[in-house]
């Protein structure tokens, strides 16, 4: 069973920065066949997709974090990172790392047509790391 373990959460003031990391227990999960994503869930709100790193090396971001967050992947270290800058109080949430399996045989065109910020695409989840931003 593949496991994902997040770290790097903490408390910062608005305008500050944090870097989250997610370590996978299996090599292949961060290289091919999987889409990696960061999600977050604030109290009383639904979990939302924040940033995606796909097997083609492309990234996608929720509108609320574009220009402030950067997702990256280190295949050798089996890690997925999320650099968060210019943090706002509304970024306060429990942040999760997730892995979604790319359907076998799917074309790149079909792959790009899917919404990879959708929670339903992901079947492997970490336990989460808390990020708190104070004003």
Protein backbone atom coordinates (compact mmCIF):
# COMPACT_ATOMS: atom_id res chain seq x y z
CA UNK A 1 0.00 0.00 0.00
CA UNK A 2 1.46 3.31 -1.10
CA UNK A 3 1.63 5.92 1.63
CA UNK A 4 1.97 9.68 1.42
CA UNK A 5 3.35 11.71 4.32
CA UNK A 6 3.11 15.48 4.40
CA UNK A 7 5.27 17.88 6.37
CA UNK A 8 6.12 21.56 6.53
CA UNK A 9 2.92 23.03 7.87
CA UNK A 10 2.94 25.67 10.57
CA UNK A 11 1.78 29.11 11.62
CA UNK A 12 2.84 32.26 9.80
CA UNK A 13 1.71 35.84 9.52
CA UNK A 14 0.01 37.14 6.42
CA UNK A 15 2.53 37.78 3.67
CA UNK A 16 4.80 35.01 4.88
CA UNK A 17 5.90 31.81 3.17
CA UNK A 18 5.85 28.09 3.83
CA UNK A 19 7.00 25.06 1.88
CA UNK A 20 5.06 21.83 2.19
CA UNK A 21 6.57 18.48 1.28
CA UNK A 22 4.99 15.12 0.57
CA UNK A 23 7.07 11.96 0.59
CA UNK A 24 5.78 8.86 -1.16
CA UNK A 25 6.64 5.37 0.02
CA UNK A 26 6.89 4.03 -3.54
CA UNK A 27 9.27 5.31 -6.23
CA UNK A 28 6.94 5.12 -9.18
CA UNK A 29 4.19 7.18 -7.65
CA UNK A 30 6.00 10.42 -8.24
CA UNK A 31 7.25 9.57 -11.69
CA UNK A 32 4.75 8.01 -14.06
CA UNK A 33 1.25 6.73 -14.08
CA UNK A 34 0.13 9.08 -11.32
CA UNK A 35 -1.05 12.63 -11.06
CA UNK A 36 0.03 14.35 -7.87
CA UNK A 37 -2.00 17.11 -6.26
CA UNK A 38 -2.23 19.28 -3.21
CA UNK A 39 -5.67 19.78 -1.72
CA UNK A 40 -6.79 21.81 1.26
CA UNK A 41 -9.77 21.87 3.56
CA UNK A 42 -10.70 24.79 5.78
CA UNK A 43 -13.09 24.36 8.73
CA UNK A 44 -16.67 24.18 7.53
CA UNK A 45 -15.68 24.04 3.89
CA UNK A 46 -15.31 21.33 1.28
CA UNK A 47 -11.90 20.04 0.30
CA UNK A 48 -10.59 21.84 -2.76
CA UNK A 49 -7.82 21.18 -5.24
CA UNK A 50 -4.95 23.66 -5.00
CA UNK A 51 -2.23 22.56 -7.42
CA UNK A 52 -1.58 19.66 -9.77
CA UNK A 53 1.59 18.13 -11.20
CA UNK A 54 0.88 15.69 -14.00
CA UNK A 55 2.99 12.94 -15.64
CA UNK A 56 3.68 15.25 -18.60
CA UNK A 57 5.47 17.65 -16.26
CA UNK A 58 2.76 20.28 -16.48
CA UNK A 59 1.19 22.11 -13.59
CA UNK A 60 -2.21 23.59 -12.90
CA UNK A 61 -3.42 25.82 -10.10
CA UNK A 62 -6.65 26.94 -8.53
CA UNK A 63 -7.38 30.57 -9.37
CA UNK A 64 -7.12 31.55 -5.71
CA UNK A 65 -3.43 30.56 -5.52
CA UNK A 66 -2.12 31.38 -8.99
CA UNK A 67 1.00 33.51 -8.86
CA UNK A 68 1.55 32.72 -5.18
CA UNK A 69 1.94 28.93 -4.97
CA UNK A 70 4.35 26.72 -6.92
CA UNK A 71 4.13 22.95 -7.11
CA UNK A 72 7.20 20.89 -7.94
CA UNK A 73 8.23 17.26 -7.97
CA UNK A 74 11.55 15.58 -7.21
CA UNK A 75 11.46 12.09 -8.67
CA UNK A 76 14.77 11.01 -7.16
CA UNK A 77 13.60 11.92 -3.67
CA UNK A 78 10.03 10.76 -4.28
CA UNK A 79 8.72 14.08 -3.04
CA UNK A 80 6.10 16.57 -4.07
CA UNK A 81 6.54 20.12 -2.83
CA UNK A 82 4.32 23.16 -2.56
CA UNK A 83 6.02 26.53 -2.17
CA UNK A 84 3.50 28.99 -0.77
CA UNK A 85 4.29 32.70 -0.86
CA UNK A 86 2.31 35.80 0.03
CA UNK A 87 0.11 33.75 2.30
CA UNK A 88 -3.29 35.11 3.27
CA UNK A 89 -5.54 34.27 6.24
CA UNK A 90 -7.92 32.57 3.79
CA UNK A 91 -5.15 30.07 2.99
CA UNK A 92 -5.58 28.64 6.48
CA UNK A 93 -6.51 24.98 6.08
CA UNK A 94 -5.42 21.40 6.47
CA UNK A 95 -3.33 20.64 3.38
CA UNK A 96 -3.33 17.16 1.87
CA UNK A 97 -1.11 15.47 -0.66
CA UNK A 98 -2.93 13.11 -3.02
CA UNK A 99 -2.12 10.76 -5.88
CA UNK A 100 -4.47 9.85 -8.70
CA UNK A 101 -3.98 6.99 -11.11
CA UNK A 102 -3.83 7.92 -14.78
CA UNK A 103 -6.26 5.70 -16.72
CA UNK A 104 -4.35 3.09 -18.70
CA UNK A 105 -4.07 3.85 -22.40
CA UNK A 106 -5.54 7.33 -22.16
CA UNK A 107 -4.33 9.76 -24.79
CA UNK A 108 -2.72 13.01 -23.78
CA UNK A 109 -5.63 14.91 -25.31
CA UNK A 110 -8.15 12.96 -23.28
CA UNK A 111 -6.03 13.30 -20.18
CA UNK A 112 -5.90 17.09 -20.51
CA UNK A 113 -9.70 17.19 -20.86
CA UNK A 114 -10.18 15.78 -17.36
CA UNK A 115 -10.46 17.98 -14.29
CA UNK A 116 -7.44 16.96 -12.24
CA UNK A 117 -8.29 19.43 -9.47
CA UNK A 118 -11.36 17.34 -8.69
CA UNK A 119 -11.19 15.31 -5.50
CA UNK A 120 -12.86 12.31 -7.11
CA UNK A 121 -9.79 11.72 -9.32
CA UNK A 122 -7.62 10.80 -6.33
CA UNK A 123 -7.52 7.53 -4.43
CA UNK A 124 -4.37 7.86 -2.33
CA UNK A 125 -4.24 10.49 0.40
CA UNK A 126 -1.88 11.64 3.09
CA UNK A 127 -2.96 12.56 6.61
CA UNK A 128 -2.59 16.28 6.09
CA UNK A 129 -0.50 19.10 7.52
CA UNK A 130 -2.00 22.21 9.10
CA UNK A 131 -1.28 25.67 7.75
CA UNK A 132 -2.44 28.66 9.79
CA UNK A 133 -2.06 32.22 8.53
CA UNK A 134 -2.75 35.06 10.93
CA UNK A 135 -3.58 38.61 9.94
